[in-house]
Amino acid sequence: MSAACVPHLSELSQSIQLELTTYGGHVGFISWHSLLIPMYWLEPRIIQFFLAQIKN
């Protein structure tokens, strides 16, 4: 995908947090901590979100 696919910040709601990574990805994707241990992106993000809400 090209940079033209990425929305400008002015096009997003203030309730959206745009995060871009070097190699792409998605919060539902799995990366690998090691060859045998998967690291899921979604679960830690949910916890981070709620902890931020509690602090605010």
PDB file of N, CA and C in Angstrom:
ATOM      1  N   MET A   1       0.837  -1.170   0.000  1.00  0.00           N
ATOM      2  CA  MET A   1       0.000   0.000   0.000  1.00  0.00           C
ATOM      3  C   MET A   1       0.887   1.239   0.000  1.00  0.00           C
ATOM      4  N   SER A   2       0.427   2.241  -0.649  1.00  0.00           N
ATOM      5  CA  SER A   2       1.203   3.480  -0.739  1.00  0.00           C
ATOM      6  C   SER A   2       0.795   4.443   0.375  1.00  0.00           C
ATOM      7  N   ALA A   3       1.562   5.501   0.531  1.00  0.00           N
ATOM      8  CA  ALA A   3       1.278   6.531   1.535  1.00  0.00           C
ATOM      9  C   ALA A   3      -0.064   7.213   1.258  1.00  0.00           C
ATOM     10  N   ALA A   4      -0.541   7.168   0.033  1.00  0.00           N
ATOM     11  CA  ALA A   4      -1.824   7.783  -0.318  1.00  0.00           C
ATOM     12  C   ALA A   4      -2.998   7.102   0.400  1.00  0.00           C
ATOM     13  N   CYS A   5      -2.802   5.883   0.870  1.00  0.00           N
ATOM     14  CA  CYS A   5      -3.859   5.144   1.580  1.00  0.00           C
ATOM     15  C   CYS A   5      -4.015   5.592   3.024  1.00  0.00           C
ATOM     16  N   VAL A   6      -3.015   6.278   3.553  1.00  0.00           N
ATOM     17  CA  VAL A   6      -3.034   6.700   4.953  1.00  0.00           C
ATOM     18  C   VAL A   6      -3.803   8.010   5.065  1.00  0.00           C
ATOM     19  N   PRO A   7      -4.815   8.059   5.928  1.00  0.00           N
ATOM     20  CA  PRO A   7      -5.584   9.301   6.058  1.00  0.00           C
ATOM     21  C   PRO A   7      -4.768  10.389   6.749  1.00  0.00           C
ATOM     22  N   HIS A   8      -5.076  11.616   6.433  1.00  0.00           N
ATOM     23  CA  HIS A   8      -4.449  12.748   7.113  1.00  0.00           C
ATOM     24  C   HIS A   8      -5.107  12.894   8.490  1.00  0.00           C
ATOM     25  N   LEU A   9      -4.350  13.384   9.465  1.00  0.00           N
ATOM     26  CA  LEU A   9      -4.886  13.537  10.807  1.00  0.00           C
ATOM     27  C   LEU A   9      -6.145  14.395  10.832  1.00  0.00           C
ATOM     28  N   SER A  10      -6.215  15.372   9.922  1.00  0.00           N
ATOM     29  CA  SER A  10      -7.395  16.250   9.869  1.00  0.00           C
ATOM     30  C   SER A  10      -8.650  15.494   9.424  1.00  0.00           C
ATOM     31  N   GLU A  11      -8.483  14.322   8.837  1.00  0.00           N
ATOM     32  CA  GLU A  11      -9.611  13.516   8.375  1.00  0.00           C
ATOM     33  C   GLU A  11     -10.141  12.566   9.452  1.00  0.00           C
ATOM     34  N   LEU A  12      -9.452  12.497  10.570  1.00  0.00           N
ATOM     35  CA  LEU A  12      -9.804  11.543  11.609  1.00  0.00           C
ATOM     36  C   LEU A  12     -10.519  12.208  12.766  1.00  0.00           C
ATOM     37  N   SER A  13     -11.388  11.457  13.397  1.00  0.00           N
ATOM     38  CA  SER A  13     -12.036  11.917  14.618  1.00  0.00           C
ATOM     39  C   SER A  13     -10.976  12.048  15.711  1.00  0.00           C
ATOM     40  N   GLN A  14     -11.210  12.921  16.675  1.00  0.00           N
ATOM     41  CA  GLN A  14     -10.272  13.065  17.783  1.00  0.00           C
ATOM     42  C   GLN A  14     -10.260  11.830  18.671  1.00  0.00           C
ATOM     43  N   SER A  15     -11.242  10.961  18.522  1.00  0.00           N
ATOM     44  CA  SER A  15     -11.270   9.728  19.309  1.00  0.00           C
ATOM     45  C   SER A  15     -10.477   8.599  18.650  1.00  0.00           C
ATOM     46  N   ILE A  16      -9.862   8.889  17.505  1.00  0.00           N
ATOM     47  CA  ILE A  16      -9.039   7.908  16.797  1.00  0.00           C
ATOM     48  C   ILE A  16      -7.571   8.201  17.054  1.00  0.00           C
ATOM     49  N   GLN A  17      -6.832   7.164  17.371  1.00  0.00           N
ATOM     50  CA  GLN A  17      -5.384   7.306  17.527  1.00  0.00           C
ATOM     51  C   GLN A  17      -4.727   6.542  16.389  1.00  0.00           C
ATOM     52  N   LEU A  18      -4.129   7.262  15.467  1.00  0.00           N
ATOM     53  CA  LEU A  18      -3.469   6.653  14.314  1.00  0.00           C
ATOM     54  C   LEU A  18      -2.053   6.263  14.698  1.00  0.00           C
ATOM     55  N   GLU A  19      -1.734   5.000  14.524  1.00  0.00           N
ATOM     56  CA  GLU A  19      -0.389   4.513  14.789  1.00  0.00           C
ATOM     57  C   GLU A  19       0.125   3.818  13.544  1.00  0.00           C
ATOM     58  N   LEU A  20       1.273   4.240  13.086  1.00  0.00           N
ATOM     59  CA  LEU A  20       1.883   3.649  11.900  1.00  0.00           C
ATOM     60  C   LEU A  20       3.157   2.922  12.308  1.00  0.00           C
ATOM     61  N   THR A  21       3.366   1.759  11.717  1.00  0.00           N
ATOM     62  CA  THR A  21       4.572   0.992  12.016  1.00  0.00           C
ATOM     63  C   THR A  21       5.429   0.862  10.770  1.00  0.00           C
ATOM     64  N   THR A  22       6.678   0.591  10.968  1.00  0.00           N
ATOM     65  CA  THR A  22       7.615   0.468   9.852  1.00  0.00           C
ATOM     66  C   THR A  22       7.228  -0.658   8.902  1.00  0.00           C
ATOM     67  N   TYR A  23       6.759  -1.758   9.457  1.00  0.00           N
ATOM     68  CA  TYR A  23       6.481  -2.937   8.641  1.00  0.00           C
ATOM     69  C   TYR A  23       5.005  -3.259   8.525  1.00  0.00           C
ATOM     70  N   GLY A  24       4.151  -2.277   8.764  1.00  0.00           N
ATOM     71  CA  GLY A  24       2.724  -2.516   8.658  1.00  0.00           C
ATOM     72  C   GLY A  24       2.199  -3.222   9.895  1.00  0.00           C
ATOM     73  N   GLY A  25       1.035  -3.764   9.812  1.00  0.00           N
ATOM     74  CA  GLY A  25       0.478  -4.493  10.939  1.00  0.00           C
ATOM     75  C   GLY A  25      -0.922  -4.053  11.272  1.00  0.00           C
ATOM     76  N   HIS A  26      -1.451  -4.652  12.306  1.00  0.00           N
ATOM     77  CA  HIS A  26      -2.814  -4.410  12.728  1.00  0.00           C
ATOM     78  C   HIS A  26      -2.896  -4.898  14.166  1.00  0.00           C
ATOM     79  N   VAL A  27      -3.734  -4.290  15.000  1.00  0.00           N
ATOM     80  CA  VAL A  27      -3.779  -4.702  16.412  1.00  0.00           C
ATOM     81  C   VAL A  27      -4.223  -6.144  16.588  1.00  0.00           C
ATOM     82  N   GLY A  28      -4.885  -6.714  15.621  1.00  0.00           N
ATOM     83  CA  GLY A  28      -5.291  -8.110  15.721  1.00  0.00           C
ATOM     84  C   GLY A  28      -4.231  -9.079  15.255  1.00  0.00           C
ATOM     85  N   PHE A  29      -3.127  -8.575  14.727  1.00  0.00           N
ATOM     86  CA  PHE A  29      -2.086  -9.441  14.196  1.00  0.00           C
ATOM     87  C   PHE A  29      -1.246 -10.059  15.297  1.00  0.00           C
ATOM     88  N   ILE A  30      -0.543 -11.078  14.935  1.00  0.00           N
ATOM     89  CA  ILE A  30       0.358 -11.778  15.836  1.00  0.00           C
ATOM     90  C   ILE A  30       1.781 -11.546  15.361  1.00  0.00           C
ATOM     91  N   SER A  31       2.652 -11.177  16.281  1.00  0.00           N
ATOM     92  CA  SER A  31       4.084 -11.163  15.976  1.00  0.00           C
ATOM     93  C   SER A  31       4.698 -12.239  16.859  1.00  0.00           C
ATOM     94  N   TRP A  32       5.961 -12.440  16.738  1.00  0.00           N
ATOM     95  CA  TRP A  32       6.575 -13.543  17.468  1.00  0.00           C
ATOM     96  C   TRP A  32       7.633 -13.040  18.420  1.00  0.00           C
ATOM     97  N   HIS A  33       7.458 -13.392  19.700  1.00  0.00           N
ATOM     98  CA  HIS A  33       8.446 -13.059  20.725  1.00  0.00           C
ATOM     99  C   HIS A  33       9.692 -13.910  20.500  1.00  0.00           C
ATOM    100  N   SER A  34       9.489 -15.149  20.154  1.00  0.00           N
ATOM    101  CA  SER A  34      10.555 -16.067  19.779  1.00  0.00           C
ATOM    102  C   SER A  34       9.952 -17.013  18.753  1.00  0.00           C
ATOM    103  N   LEU A  35      10.684 -18.003  18.363  1.00  0.00           N
ATOM    104  CA  LEU A  35      10.158 -18.938  17.358  1.00  0.00           C
ATOM    105  C   LEU A  35       8.942 -19.711  17.852  1.00  0.00           C
ATOM    106  N   LEU A  36       8.812 -19.867  19.163  1.00  0.00           N
ATOM    107  CA  LEU A  36       7.724 -20.685  19.689  1.00  0.00           C
ATOM    108  C   LEU A  36       6.675 -19.912  20.481  1.00  0.00           C
ATOM    109  N   ILE A  37       6.950 -18.638  20.793  1.00  0.00           N
ATOM    110  CA  ILE A  37       6.038 -17.876  21.639  1.00  0.00           C
ATOM    111  C   ILE A  37       5.411 -16.730  20.850  1.00  0.00           C
ATOM    112  N   PRO A  38       4.109 -16.848  20.528  1.00  0.00           N
ATOM    113  CA  PRO A  38       3.452 -15.753  19.802  1.00  0.00           C
ATOM    114  C   PRO A  38       3.207 -14.561  20.723  1.00  0.00           C
ATOM    115  N   MET A  39       3.219 -13.377  20.156  1.00  0.00           N
ATOM    116  CA  MET A  39       2.896 -12.162  20.894  1.00  0.00           C
ATOM    117  C   MET A  39       1.691 -11.531  20.196  1.00  0.00           C
ATOM    118  N   TYR A  40       0.573 -11.461  20.892  1.00  0.00           N
ATOM    119  CA  TYR A  40      -0.642 -10.897  20.331  1.00  0.00           C
ATOM    120  C   TYR A  40      -0.699  -9.408  20.638  1.00  0.00           C
ATOM    121  N   TRP A  41      -1.044  -8.599  19.666  1.00  0.00           N
ATOM    122  CA  TRP A  41      -1.066  -7.150  19.835  1.00  0.00           C
ATOM    123  C   TRP A  41      -2.343  -6.662  20.500  1.00  0.00           C
ATOM    124  N   LEU A  42      -3.462  -7.327  20.292  1.00  0.00           N
ATOM    125  CA  LEU A  42      -4.748  -6.822  20.752  1.00  0.00           C
ATOM    126  C   LEU A  42      -4.878  -6.795  22.272  1.00  0.00           C
ATOM    127  N   GLU A  43      -4.554  -7.893  22.932  1.00  0.00           N
ATOM    128  CA  GLU A  43      -4.759  -7.979  24.368  1.00  0.00           C
ATOM    129  C   GLU A  43      -4.001  -6.901  25.144  1.00  0.00           C
ATOM    130  N   PRO A  44      -2.709  -6.674  24.893  1.00  0.00           N
ATOM    131  CA  PRO A  44      -2.021  -5.591  25.606  1.00  0.00           C
ATOM    132  C   PRO A  44      -2.609  -4.210  25.302  1.00  0.00           C
ATOM    133  N   ARG A  45      -3.091  -4.001  24.088  1.00  0.00           N
ATOM    134  CA  ARG A  45      -3.681  -2.716  23.725  1.00  0.00           C
ATOM    135  C   ARG A  45      -4.954  -2.444  24.509  1.00  0.00           C
ATOM    136  N   ILE A  46      -5.762  -3.469  24.734  1.00  0.00           N
ATOM    137  CA  ILE A  46      -6.991  -3.309  25.516  1.00  0.00           C
ATOM    138  C   ILE A  46      -6.643  -2.884  26.933  1.00  0.00           C
ATOM    139  N   ILE A  47      -5.672  -3.550  27.529  1.00  0.00           N
ATOM    140  CA  ILE A  47      -5.249  -3.216  28.887  1.00  0.00           C
ATOM    141  C   ILE A  47      -4.699  -1.795  28.939  1.00  0.00           C
ATOM    142  N   GLN A  48      -3.861  -1.419  27.979  1.00  0.00           N
ATOM    143  CA  GLN A  48      -3.308  -0.059  27.935  1.00  0.00           C
ATOM    144  C   GLN A  48      -4.420   0.980  27.832  1.00  0.00           C
ATOM    145  N   PHE A  49      -5.429   0.700  27.012  1.00  0.00           N
ATOM    146  CA  PHE A  49      -6.539   1.629  26.837  1.00  0.00           C
ATOM    147  C   PHE A  49      -7.260   1.862  28.166  1.00  0.00           C
ATOM    148  N   PHE A  50      -7.627   0.777  28.836  1.00  0.00           N
ATOM    149  CA  PHE A  50      -8.377   0.929  30.081  1.00  0.00           C
ATOM    150  C   PHE A  50      -7.541   1.562  31.188  1.00  0.00           C
ATOM    151  N   LEU A  51      -6.261   1.247  31.256  1.00  0.00           N
ATOM    152  CA  LEU A  51      -5.402   1.890  32.250  1.00  0.00           C
ATOM    153  C   LEU A  51      -5.316   3.404  32.008  1.00  0.00           C
ATOM    154  N   ALA A  52      -5.253   3.804  30.733  1.00  0.00           N
ATOM    155  CA  ALA A  52      -5.219   5.236  30.403  1.00  0.00           C
ATOM    156  C   ALA A  52      -6.527   5.899  30.803  1.00  0.00           C
ATOM    157  N   GLN A  53      -7.663   5.197  30.649  1.00  0.00           N
ATOM    158  CA  GLN A  53      -8.960   5.758  31.021  1.00  0.00           C
ATOM    159  C   GLN A  53      -9.046   5.944  32.540  1.00  0.00           C
ATOM    160  N   ILE A  54      -8.504   5.009  33.277  1.00  0.00           N
ATOM    161  CA  ILE A  54      -8.522   5.089  34.745  1.00  0.00           C
ATOM    162  C   ILE A  54      -7.670   6.270  35.207  1.00  0.00           C
ATOM    163  N   LYS A  55      -6.534   6.498  34.562  1.00  0.00           N
ATOM    164  CA  LYS A  55      -5.645   7.593  34.958  1.00  0.00           C
ATOM    165  C   LYS A  55      -6.269   8.954  34.656  1.00  0.00           C
ATOM    166  N   ASN A  56      -7.097   9.017  33.625  1.00  0.00           N
ATOM    167  CA  ASN A  56      -7.732  10.280  33.247  1.00  0.00           C
ATOM    168  C   ASN A  56      -8.969  10.470  34.077  1.00  0.00           C
TER     169      ASN A  56
END
